[in-house]
Amino acid sequence: MKKIIALAVLGLAVVACDPFKDEAGGTPVITNVTVTGRGYGPIEAVPSGATWAVEASTPSTAGFGRIIVVTANQLLDPTSIEQAPWDVNTGETGCDPANGWLAVTVTGPVALPAGQWYTCYYPSSPSETVGASVFIYYSATPPGTAVGAQPIRAGTMVAADFTFTGTVKAKSGADLPISVTASVGRITAEATAETTTPGGATVGVTALLENRTFAETTWTVAAVDADGEDVPEANAGTLSAATAGTVAPWPTSTVTYTPPATLTNGPYTVTIEATGRGLSSSVEIEVAAP
C-alpha cells in the first residue's frame, strides 16, 4: 500500500480516488512517511515515538528529484499547508508553506543550491481507505507543468541530515504535528584492480562515505566458486583492518584484500562490501589461476 501511495503522488495529477466512503474522524494521525522521486524509491520511514525516520535516501541528481511524502488518516486543511494551490493543469504555482508552518534544519558540509522549501497538499489517494498527503521538497524553481519544475525532477536533497517539523491541521481543524528525519547519504566503493591470482597481488578497496562516518562503516568479504557455490569464509581471502582517510569533504575507509593461496574449484568471484547505517556499496574481484 505504501508503494501505491508513492506512485499516486508521482503521477502528480488528481486522478486517483477520493478518499473514504465514510470519512475518518477522531484524532488525525500520520499513517506512513516515504521518500520518493523520479526513478527512486519509495524508501519507507520508520516511526519512533512522534518522529518518523528514514535512512539510505541517496542524494538526488539533476532531473531526479526527491519528495518527502507524509500521509495522514484523514483529509487535511490545505490552507494550513500551502499559501496557494498548485494547479497541475494550468501550471499556476503555489505550495509555499502556509503561515511558515514548516521548519527545516540541514546538517552537513554540502550546502543546498539557491532555492526554497515547498509543501504541496495532495488530497486524492489510491484507495478509499487512505487519507490525504503533504509532500515536501526543495527546489530552485516553483512547481509547474514544465518538466524541469515537476517536484519529482526538481526536488533536491544533498548528502546531509534533514529534520522537518511543524503542525498542519486536519479538515476538522484538529492539529496534526509532523516530525520527520531523513538521513541522506551514499557509500561508493572502488577497487584498485578487478583481478588477481591465488597467492598473488593484494587489492586495495576504498569507500567514499558521503554523510556516513568511518566508525559506523563495516567491511565484509564473500566468494563463490566456478559453479556459483558459496566458498567457505576461511577460503575466500582476507581483509586488512580498515584505515581512515579523507576526500574532501567526506571521510573514506580503505581495506586491503589478500587472495587465498589456492582455489578449490576454478576461479572465485569475490565480493567486498562496505556497509554503514543503512547504506552499502560493493566491488567484485576475480581470483583466477595464473
C-alpha atoms as a PDB file:
ATOM      1  CA  MET A   1       0.000   0.000   0.000  1.00  0.00           C
ATOM      2  CA  LYS A   2       2.837   2.402   0.806  1.00  0.00           C
ATOM      3  CA  LYS A   3       4.286   1.923  -2.683  1.00  0.00           C
ATOM      4  CA  ILE A   4       0.873   2.556  -4.203  1.00  0.00           C
ATOM      5  CA  ILE A   5       0.648   5.825  -2.264  1.00  0.00           C
ATOM      6  CA  ALA A   6       4.040   6.915  -3.551  1.00  0.00           C
ATOM      7  CA  LEU A   7       3.163   6.011  -7.122  1.00  0.00           C
ATOM      8  CA  ALA A   8      -0.021   8.035  -6.895  1.00  0.00           C
ATOM      9  CA  VAL A   9       1.973  11.051  -5.730  1.00  0.00           C
ATOM     10  CA  LEU A  10       4.422  10.580  -8.587  1.00  0.00           C
ATOM     11  CA  GLY A  11       1.512  10.879 -11.007  1.00  0.00           C
ATOM     12  CA  LEU A  12       1.134  14.478  -9.824  1.00  0.00           C
ATOM     13  CA  ALA A  13      -2.374  14.702 -11.174  1.00  0.00           C
ATOM     14  CA  VAL A  14      -5.585  14.408  -9.232  1.00  0.00           C
ATOM     15  CA  VAL A  15      -6.843  11.282 -10.956  1.00  0.00           C
ATOM     16  CA  ALA A  16      -6.793   8.886  -8.006  1.00  0.00           C
ATOM     17  CA  CYS A  17      -9.658   8.030  -5.691  1.00  0.00           C
ATOM     18  CA  ASP A  18     -11.409  10.491  -3.452  1.00  0.00           C
ATOM     19  CA  PRO A  19     -10.605   9.079  -0.003  1.00  0.00           C
ATOM     20  CA  PHE A  20     -13.255   7.488   2.152  1.00  0.00           C
ATOM     21  CA  LYS A  21     -16.777   6.382   1.511  1.00  0.00           C
ATOM     22  CA  ASP A  22     -17.169   7.118   5.211  1.00  0.00           C
ATOM     23  CA  GLU A  23     -14.762   9.883   6.155  1.00  0.00           C
ATOM     24  CA  ALA A  24     -12.483   9.094   9.086  1.00  0.00           C
ATOM     25  CA  GLY A  25     -12.989  11.037  12.290  1.00  0.00           C
ATOM     26  CA  GLY A  26     -11.273  11.269  15.633  1.00  0.00           C
ATOM     27  CA  THR A  27      -7.668  12.349  16.146  1.00  0.00           C
ATOM     28  CA  PRO A  28      -5.682  12.864  12.936  1.00  0.00           C
ATOM     29  CA  VAL A  29      -2.518  10.749  12.758  1.00  0.00           C
ATOM     30  CA  ILE A  30       0.260  10.097  10.274  1.00  0.00           C
ATOM     31  CA  THR A  31      -0.041   6.624   8.786  1.00  0.00           C
ATOM     32  CA  ASN A  32       3.230   6.497   6.849  1.00  0.00           C
ATOM     33  CA  VAL A  33       6.118   8.587   5.513  1.00  0.00           C
ATOM     34  CA  THR A  34       8.227   7.850   2.445  1.00  0.00           C
ATOM     35  CA  VAL A  35      10.995   9.428   0.410  1.00  0.00           C
ATOM     36  CA  THR A  36      10.326   9.009  -3.285  1.00  0.00           C
ATOM     37  CA  GLY A  37      11.036  10.627  -6.630  1.00  0.00           C
ATOM     38  CA  ARG A  38      11.619  10.044 -10.317  1.00  0.00           C
ATOM     39  CA  GLY A  39      13.319   6.685 -10.724  1.00  0.00           C
ATOM     40  CA  TYR A  40      13.761   6.366  -6.976  1.00  0.00           C
ATOM     41  CA  GLY A  41      12.140   4.662  -4.037  1.00  0.00           C
ATOM     42  CA  PRO A  42       9.861   4.699  -2.297  1.00  0.00           C
ATOM     43  CA  ILE A  43      12.026   4.388   0.805  1.00  0.00           C
ATOM     44  CA  GLU A  44       9.843   3.931   3.857  1.00  0.00           C
ATOM     45  CA  ALA A  45      10.377   5.762   7.137  1.00  0.00           C
ATOM     46  CA  VAL A  46      10.116   4.011  10.494  1.00  0.00           C
ATOM     47  CA  PRO A  47       8.176   5.613  13.358  1.00  0.00           C
ATOM     48  CA  SER A  48       9.960   6.157  16.660  1.00  0.00           C
ATOM     49  CA  GLY A  49       7.619   7.855  19.079  1.00  0.00           C
ATOM     50  CA  ALA A  50       6.321  11.005  17.407  1.00  0.00           C
ATOM     51  CA  THR A  51       9.142  11.121  14.822  1.00  0.00           C
ATOM     52  CA  TRP A  52       9.393   9.210  11.559  1.00  0.00           C
ATOM     53  CA  ALA A  53      12.987   8.433  10.485  1.00  0.00           C
ATOM     54  CA  VAL A  54      14.225   7.330   7.065  1.00  0.00           C
ATOM     55  CA  GLU A  55      17.721   6.130   6.157  1.00  0.00           C
ATOM     56  CA  ALA A  56      19.543   5.425   2.910  1.00  0.00           C
ATOM     57  CA  SER A  57      17.987   8.224   0.881  1.00  0.00           C
ATOM     58  CA  THR A  58      20.606   8.582  -1.846  1.00  0.00           C
ATOM     59  CA  PRO A  59      21.268  12.217  -2.860  1.00  0.00           C
ATOM     60  CA  SER A  60      19.363  13.427  -5.895  1.00  0.00           C
ATOM     61  CA  THR A  61      20.983  14.412  -9.168  1.00  0.00           C
ATOM     62  CA  ALA A  62      19.765  16.836 -11.826  1.00  0.00           C
ATOM     63  CA  GLY A  63      16.359  15.737 -13.086  1.00  0.00           C
ATOM     64  CA  PHE A  64      15.897  13.062 -10.436  1.00  0.00           C
ATOM     65  CA  GLY A  65      14.262  14.838  -7.517  1.00  0.00           C
ATOM     66  CA  ARG A  66      13.201  13.733  -4.066  1.00  0.00           C
ATOM     67  CA  ILE A  67       9.925  14.275  -2.215  1.00  0.00           C
ATOM     68  CA  ILE A  68       9.102  13.622   1.424  1.00  0.00           C
ATOM     69  CA  VAL A  69       5.549  12.222   1.377  1.00  0.00           C
ATOM     70  CA  VAL A  70       3.633  12.439   4.664  1.00  0.00           C
ATOM     71  CA  THR A  71       0.297  10.595   4.555  1.00  0.00           C
ATOM     72  CA  ALA A  72      -2.465  11.050   7.131  1.00  0.00           C
ATOM     73  CA  ASN A  73      -5.527   9.030   8.034  1.00  0.00           C
ATOM     74  CA  GLN A  74      -7.847  11.938   7.205  1.00  0.00           C
ATOM     75  CA  LEU A  75      -8.394  14.781   4.790  1.00  0.00           C
ATOM     76  CA  LEU A  76      -6.404  17.878   5.735  1.00  0.00           C
ATOM     77  CA  ASP A  77      -6.942  21.629   5.631  1.00  0.00           C
ATOM     78  CA  PRO A  78      -4.999  22.843   2.583  1.00  0.00           C
ATOM     79  CA  THR A  79      -4.870  26.418   3.878  1.00  0.00           C
ATOM     80  CA  SER A  80      -2.741  25.190   6.779  1.00  0.00           C
ATOM     81  CA  ILE A  81      -0.264  23.598   4.345  1.00  0.00           C
ATOM     82  CA  GLU A  82       0.146  25.810   1.269  1.00  0.00           C
ATOM     83  CA  GLN A  83      -0.378  29.515   0.732  1.00  0.00           C
ATOM     84  CA  ALA A  84      -1.949  28.816  -2.661  1.00  0.00           C
ATOM     85  CA  PRO A  85      -2.660  25.576  -4.520  1.00  0.00           C
ATOM     86  CA  TRP A  86      -0.572  24.347  -7.391  1.00  0.00           C
ATOM     87  CA  ASP A  87      -2.779  23.767 -10.437  1.00  0.00           C
ATOM     88  CA  VAL A  88      -1.279  20.862 -12.359  1.00  0.00           C
ATOM     89  CA  ASN A  89      -3.400  21.724 -15.406  1.00  0.00           C
ATOM     90  CA  THR A  90      -2.686  25.442 -15.777  1.00  0.00           C
ATOM     91  CA  GLY A  91       0.766  25.486 -14.217  1.00  0.00           C
ATOM     92  CA  GLU A  92      -0.262  28.114 -11.694  1.00  0.00           C
ATOM     93  CA  THR A  93       2.327  27.909  -8.959  1.00  0.00           C
ATOM     94  CA  GLY A  94       1.792  27.756  -5.252  1.00  0.00           C
ATOM     95  CA  CYS A  95       2.932  25.420  -2.479  1.00  0.00           C
ATOM     96  CA  ASP A  96       4.738  27.993  -0.369  1.00  0.00           C
ATOM     97  CA  PRO A  97       4.324  26.800   3.248  1.00  0.00           C
ATOM     98  CA  ALA A  98       1.269  28.416   4.799  1.00  0.00           C
ATOM     99  CA  ASN A  99       1.916  30.585   7.857  1.00  0.00           C
ATOM    100  CA  GLY A 100       5.523  29.399   7.970  1.00  0.00           C
ATOM    101  CA  TRP A 101       4.379  26.053   9.400  1.00  0.00           C
ATOM    102  CA  LEU A 102       7.433  24.134   8.177  1.00  0.00           C
ATOM    103  CA  ALA A 103      10.803  24.285   9.954  1.00  0.00           C
ATOM    104  CA  VAL A 104      13.733  22.510   8.310  1.00  0.00           C
ATOM    105  CA  THR A 105      17.250  22.021   9.621  1.00  0.00           C
ATOM    106  CA  VAL A 106      20.025  20.678   7.408  1.00  0.00           C
ATOM    107  CA  THR A 107      23.252  19.353   8.916  1.00  0.00           C
ATOM    108  CA  GLY A 108      26.136  18.577   6.589  1.00  0.00           C
ATOM    109  CA  PRO A 109      29.120  20.123   4.789  1.00  0.00           C
ATOM    110  CA  VAL A 110      27.385  20.493   1.393  1.00  0.00           C
ATOM    111  CA  ALA A 111      25.034  23.438   1.029  1.00  0.00           C
ATOM    112  CA  LEU A 112      21.746  23.247  -0.811  1.00  0.00           C
ATOM    113  CA  PRO A 113      21.706  25.275  -4.037  1.00  0.00           C
ATOM    114  CA  ALA A 114      19.719  28.507  -4.167  1.00  0.00           C
ATOM    115  CA  GLY A 115      16.047  27.710  -3.785  1.00  0.00           C
ATOM    116  CA  GLN A 116      13.366  27.147  -1.172  1.00  0.00           C
ATOM    117  CA  TRP A 117      11.195  24.529   0.503  1.00  0.00           C
ATOM    118  CA  TYR A 118       7.736  23.832  -0.901  1.00  0.00           C
ATOM    119  CA  THR A 119       4.860  21.970   0.763  1.00  0.00           C
ATOM    120  CA  CYS A 120       2.043  20.847  -1.506  1.00  0.00           C
ATOM    121  CA  TYR A 121      -1.266  19.289  -0.468  1.00  0.00           C
ATOM    122  CA  TYR A 122      -2.375  16.122  -2.246  1.00  0.00           C
ATOM    123  CA  PRO A 123      -5.994  15.328  -1.296  1.00  0.00           C
ATOM    124  CA  SER A 124      -6.543  12.299  -3.520  1.00  0.00           C
ATOM    125  CA  SER A 125      -5.322   8.817  -2.740  1.00  0.00           C
ATOM    126  CA  PRO A 126      -5.010   5.400  -4.391  1.00  0.00           C
ATOM    127  CA  SER A 127      -7.626   3.918  -2.079  1.00  0.00           C
ATOM    128  CA  GLU A 128     -10.900   4.805  -0.391  1.00  0.00           C
ATOM    129  CA  THR A 129      -9.271   3.875   2.922  1.00  0.00           C
ATOM    130  CA  VAL A 130      -6.142   6.053   2.642  1.00  0.00           C
ATOM    131  CA  GLY A 131      -6.123   9.732   3.600  1.00  0.00           C
ATOM    132  CA  ALA A 132      -4.522  12.829   2.124  1.00  0.00           C
ATOM    133  CA  SER A 133      -0.810  13.609   1.866  1.00  0.00           C
ATOM    134  CA  VAL A 134       1.573  16.506   2.245  1.00  0.00           C
ATOM    135  CA  PHE A 135       4.680  16.397   0.134  1.00  0.00           C
ATOM    136  CA  ILE A 136       7.734  18.417   0.988  1.00  0.00           C
ATOM    137  CA  TYR A 137      10.627  19.167  -1.321  1.00  0.00           C
ATOM    138  CA  TYR A 138      13.366  21.695  -2.031  1.00  0.00           C
ATOM    139  CA  SER A 139      13.712  23.306  -5.442  1.00  0.00           C
ATOM    140  CA  ALA A 140      15.294  26.189  -7.287  1.00  0.00           C
ATOM    141  CA  THR A 141      12.071  26.616  -9.282  1.00  0.00           C
ATOM    142  CA  PRO A 142       8.410  26.732  -8.182  1.00  0.00           C
ATOM    143  CA  PRO A 143       6.204  23.771  -9.095  1.00  0.00           C
ATOM    144  CA  GLY A 144       4.633  23.914 -12.534  1.00  0.00           C
ATOM    145  CA  THR A 145       3.824  21.939 -15.664  1.00  0.00           C
ATOM    146  CA  ALA A 146       7.297  22.380 -17.182  1.00  0.00           C
ATOM    147  CA  VAL A 147       9.287  19.158 -16.942  1.00  0.00           C
ATOM    148  CA  GLY A 148      12.126  20.773 -15.020  1.00  0.00           C
ATOM    149  CA  ALA A 149       9.711  22.214 -12.448  1.00  0.00           C
ATOM    150  CA  GLN A 150       7.975  18.956 -11.590  1.00  0.00           C
ATOM    151  CA  PRO A 151       8.701  18.037  -7.944  1.00  0.00           C
ATOM    152  CA  ILE A 152       9.761  14.519  -8.901  1.00  0.00           C
ATOM    153  CA  ARG A 153      12.507  16.062 -11.037  1.00  0.00           C
ATOM    154  CA  ALA A 154      13.245  19.343  -9.254  1.00  0.00           C
ATOM    155  CA  GLY A 155      13.354  18.180  -5.626  1.00  0.00           C
ATOM    156  CA  THR A 156      16.905  18.484  -4.328  1.00  0.00           C
ATOM    157  CA  MET A 157      18.390  16.555  -1.417  1.00  0.00           C
ATOM    158  CA  VAL A 158      22.133  16.820  -0.863  1.00  0.00           C
ATOM    159  CA  ALA A 159      24.036  14.391   1.352  1.00  0.00           C
ATOM    160  CA  ALA A 160      23.075  15.653   4.803  1.00  0.00           C
ATOM    161  CA  ASP A 161      20.793  15.025   7.775  1.00  0.00           C
ATOM    162  CA  PHE A 162      17.408  16.719   7.470  1.00  0.00           C
ATOM    163  CA  THR A 163      14.803  17.436  10.133  1.00  0.00           C
ATOM    164  CA  PHE A 164      11.282  18.509   9.152  1.00  0.00           C
ATOM    165  CA  THR A 165       8.935  19.732  11.881  1.00  0.00           C
ATOM    166  CA  GLY A 166       5.718  21.706  12.121  1.00  0.00           C
ATOM    167  CA  THR A 167       1.987  21.437  12.609  1.00  0.00           C
ATOM    168  CA  VAL A 168      -0.753  21.412   9.972  1.00  0.00           C
ATOM    169  CA  LYS A 169      -4.457  20.929  10.502  1.00  0.00           C
ATOM    170  CA  ALA A 170      -6.954  18.266   9.597  1.00  0.00           C
ATOM    171  CA  LYS A 171     -10.145  19.170   7.750  1.00  0.00           C
ATOM    172  CA  SER A 172     -11.843  19.139  11.167  1.00  0.00           C
ATOM    173  CA  GLY A 173      -9.469  21.827  12.433  1.00  0.00           C
ATOM    174  CA  ALA A 174      -7.562  19.472  14.747  1.00  0.00           C
ATOM    175  CA  ASP A 175      -3.785  19.824  14.851  1.00  0.00           C
ATOM    176  CA  LEU A 176      -1.573  17.266  13.086  1.00  0.00           C
ATOM    177  CA  PRO A 177       2.067  17.547  14.255  1.00  0.00           C
ATOM    178  CA  ILE A 178       4.682  16.450  11.700  1.00  0.00           C
ATOM    179  CA  SER A 179       8.181  15.332  12.690  1.00  0.00           C
ATOM    180  CA  VAL A 180      10.400  13.602  10.132  1.00  0.00           C
ATOM    181  CA  THR A 181      14.143  12.997   9.940  1.00  0.00           C
ATOM    182  CA  ALA A 182      15.880  11.928   6.732  1.00  0.00           C
ATOM    183  CA  SER A 183      19.495  10.845   6.626  1.00  0.00           C
ATOM    184  CA  VAL A 184      20.630  11.307   3.041  1.00  0.00           C
ATOM    185  CA  GLY A 185      23.944   9.809   2.058  1.00  0.00           C
ATOM    186  CA  ARG A 186      25.849   7.458  -0.192  1.00  0.00           C
ATOM    187  CA  ILE A 187      28.697   4.957   0.006  1.00  0.00           C
ATOM    188  CA  THR A 188      30.780   4.408  -3.122  1.00  0.00           C
ATOM    189  CA  ALA A 189      33.385   1.606  -3.142  1.00  0.00           C
ATOM    190  CA  GLU A 190      36.156   1.292  -5.729  1.00  0.00           C
ATOM    191  CA  ALA A 191      38.947  -1.252  -6.099  1.00  0.00           C
ATOM    192  CA  THR A 192      42.478  -0.702  -7.413  1.00  0.00           C
ATOM    193  CA  ALA A 193      42.211  -3.847  -9.569  1.00  0.00           C
ATOM    194  CA  GLU A 194      39.486  -6.133 -10.893  1.00  0.00           C
ATOM    195  CA  THR A 195      41.524  -9.331 -10.930  1.00  0.00           C
ATOM    196  CA  THR A 196      44.233 -11.124  -9.004  1.00  0.00           C
ATOM    197  CA  THR A 197      45.523 -14.676  -8.639  1.00  0.00           C
ATOM    198  CA  PRO A 198      45.765 -17.212  -5.784  1.00  0.00           C
ATOM    199  CA  GLY A 199      48.556 -16.058  -3.506  1.00  0.00           C
ATOM    200  CA  GLY A 200      49.024 -13.105  -5.855  1.00  0.00           C
ATOM    201  CA  ALA A 201      48.824  -9.351  -5.567  1.00  0.00           C
ATOM    202  CA  THR A 202      46.716  -7.727  -2.917  1.00  0.00           C
ATOM    203  CA  VAL A 203      43.956  -5.320  -3.967  1.00  0.00           C
ATOM    204  CA  GLY A 204      43.032  -2.092  -2.229  1.00  0.00           C
ATOM    205  CA  VAL A 205      39.355  -1.143  -1.856  1.00  0.00           C
ATOM    206  CA  THR A 206      38.313   2.357  -0.781  1.00  0.00           C
ATOM    207  CA  ALA A 207      34.825   3.533   0.122  1.00  0.00           C
ATOM    208  CA  LEU A 208      33.861   7.199  -0.073  1.00  0.00           C
ATOM    209  CA  LEU A 209      31.453   7.874   2.802  1.00  0.00           C
ATOM    210  CA  GLU A 210      29.035  10.686   1.984  1.00  0.00           C
ATOM    211  CA  ASN A 211      27.264  11.606   5.220  1.00  0.00           C
ATOM    212  CA  ARG A 212      28.472   8.413   6.881  1.00  0.00           C
ATOM    213  CA  THR A 213      31.430   8.023   9.229  1.00  0.00           C
ATOM    214  CA  PHE A 214      34.453   5.759   9.357  1.00  0.00           C
ATOM    215  CA  ALA A 215      33.412   4.412  12.761  1.00  0.00           C
ATOM    216  CA  GLU A 216      29.979   3.243  11.581  1.00  0.00           C
ATOM    217  CA  THR A 217      31.292   1.542   8.414  1.00  0.00           C
ATOM    218  CA  THR A 218      31.922  -2.213   8.354  1.00  0.00           C
ATOM    219  CA  TRP A 219      33.518  -4.413   5.692  1.00  0.00           C
ATOM    220  CA  THR A 220      32.740  -7.990   4.652  1.00  0.00           C
ATOM    221  CA  VAL A 221      34.210 -10.415   2.106  1.00  0.00           C
ATOM    222  CA  ALA A 222      32.451 -13.339   0.425  1.00  0.00           C
ATOM    223  CA  ALA A 223      33.204 -15.518  -2.599  1.00  0.00           C
ATOM    224  CA  VAL A 224      31.565 -18.007  -4.955  1.00  0.00           C
ATOM    225  CA  ASP A 225      33.392 -20.667  -6.981  1.00  0.00           C
ATOM    226  CA  ALA A 226      33.148 -21.658 -10.654  1.00  0.00           C
ATOM    227  CA  ASP A 227      29.829 -23.446 -10.017  1.00  0.00           C
ATOM    228  CA  GLY A 228      28.338 -20.461  -8.211  1.00  0.00           C
ATOM    229  CA  GLU A 229      28.583 -22.211  -4.857  1.00  0.00           C
ATOM    230  CA  ASP A 230      29.488 -20.241  -1.752  1.00  0.00           C
ATOM    231  CA  VAL A 231      33.130 -20.533  -0.752  1.00  0.00           C
ATOM    232  CA  PRO A 232      33.697 -21.033   2.992  1.00  0.00           C
ATOM    233  CA  GLU A 233      34.636 -17.721   4.566  1.00  0.00           C
ATOM    234  CA  ALA A 234      38.011 -19.089   5.662  1.00  0.00           C
ATOM    235  CA  ASN A 235      38.898 -19.796   1.999  1.00  0.00           C
ATOM    236  CA  ALA A 236      37.585 -16.574   0.438  1.00  0.00           C
ATOM    237  CA  GLY A 237      40.642 -14.453   1.219  1.00  0.00           C
ATOM    238  CA  THR A 238      41.071 -11.876   3.943  1.00  0.00           C
ATOM    239  CA  LEU A 239      40.633  -8.182   4.556  1.00  0.00           C
ATOM    240  CA  SER A 240      43.023  -5.992   6.486  1.00  0.00           C
ATOM    241  CA  ALA A 241      41.847  -3.691   9.234  1.00  0.00           C
ATOM    242  CA  ALA A 242      40.268  -0.585   7.738  1.00  0.00           C
ATOM    243  CA  THR A 243      42.172   2.690   7.673  1.00  0.00           C
ATOM    244  CA  ALA A 244      40.615   6.142   7.705  1.00  0.00           C
ATOM    245  CA  GLY A 245      41.215   8.901   5.202  1.00  0.00           C
ATOM    246  CA  THR A 246      39.548  11.919   3.655  1.00  0.00           C
ATOM    247  CA  VAL A 247      38.481  13.041   0.217  1.00  0.00           C
ATOM    248  CA  ALA A 248      37.089  16.497   0.954  1.00  0.00           C
ATOM    249  CA  PRO A 249      34.523  16.988   2.277  1.00  0.00           C
ATOM    250  CA  TRP A 250      33.908  13.314   3.083  1.00  0.00           C
ATOM    251  CA  PRO A 251      35.742  10.603   5.030  1.00  0.00           C
ATOM    252  CA  THR A 252      36.959   7.405   3.424  1.00  0.00           C
ATOM    253  CA  SER A 253      37.528   3.864   4.635  1.00  0.00           C
ATOM    254  CA  THR A 254      40.144   1.628   2.974  1.00  0.00           C
ATOM    255  CA  VAL A 255      40.865  -2.095   3.279  1.00  0.00           C
ATOM    256  CA  THR A 256      43.356  -4.384   1.574  1.00  0.00           C
ATOM    257  CA  TYR A 257      42.167  -7.696   0.164  1.00  0.00           C
ATOM    258  CA  THR A 258      44.584 -10.621   0.215  1.00  0.00           C
ATOM    259  CA  PRO A 259      43.513 -13.505  -2.063  1.00  0.00           C
ATOM    260  CA  PRO A 260      43.571 -17.115  -0.860  1.00  0.00           C
ATOM    261  CA  ALA A 261      46.653 -19.215  -1.525  1.00  0.00           C
ATOM    262  CA  THR A 262      44.719 -21.803  -3.549  1.00  0.00           C
ATOM    263  CA  LEU A 263      41.427 -22.309  -5.363  1.00  0.00           C
ATOM    264  CA  THR A 264      39.296 -25.392  -4.727  1.00  0.00           C
ATOM    265  CA  ASN A 265      37.075 -25.135  -7.805  1.00  0.00           C
ATOM    266  CA  GLY A 266      38.009 -22.819 -10.625  1.00  0.00           C
ATOM    267  CA  PRO A 267      38.057 -19.026 -10.379  1.00  0.00           C
ATOM    268  CA  TYR A 268      36.463 -17.236  -7.451  1.00  0.00           C
ATOM    269  CA  THR A 269      34.248 -14.187  -7.760  1.00  0.00           C
ATOM    270  CA  VAL A 270      34.907 -12.231  -4.593  1.00  0.00           C
ATOM    271  CA  THR A 271      32.500  -9.555  -3.331  1.00  0.00           C
ATOM    272  CA  ILE A 272      33.844  -6.965  -0.915  1.00  0.00           C
ATOM    273  CA  GLU A 273      31.175  -4.753   0.628  1.00  0.00           C
ATOM    274  CA  ALA A 274      31.228  -1.632   2.790  1.00  0.00           C
ATOM    275  CA  THR A 275      28.104  -1.005   4.875  1.00  0.00           C
ATOM    276  CA  GLY A 276      27.179   1.959   7.054  1.00  0.00           C
ATOM    277  CA  ARG A 277      23.850   2.756   8.684  1.00  0.00           C
ATOM    278  CA  GLY A 278      21.512   1.511   6.001  1.00  0.00           C
ATOM    279  CA  LEU A 279      23.806   2.182   3.046  1.00  0.00           C
ATOM    280  CA  SER A 280      26.191  -0.159   1.248  1.00  0.00           C
ATOM    281  CA  SER A 281      28.402  -0.473  -1.801  1.00  0.00           C
ATOM    282  CA  SER A 282      30.386  -3.405  -3.116  1.00  0.00           C
ATOM    283  CA  VAL A 283      33.054  -4.343  -5.645  1.00  0.00           C
ATOM    284  CA  GLU A 284      33.769  -7.671  -7.340  1.00  0.00           C
ATOM    285  CA  ILE A 285      37.259  -9.036  -7.812  1.00  0.00           C
ATOM    286  CA  GLU A 286      38.037 -12.117  -9.893  1.00  0.00           C
ATOM    287  CA  VAL A 287      40.597 -14.534  -8.422  1.00  0.00           C
ATOM    288  CA  ALA A 288      41.680 -16.725 -11.312  1.00  0.00           C
ATOM    289  CA  ALA A 289      44.521 -19.190 -11.832  1.00  0.00           C
ATOM    290  CA  PRO A 290      47.521 -17.512 -13.488  1.00  0.00           C
END
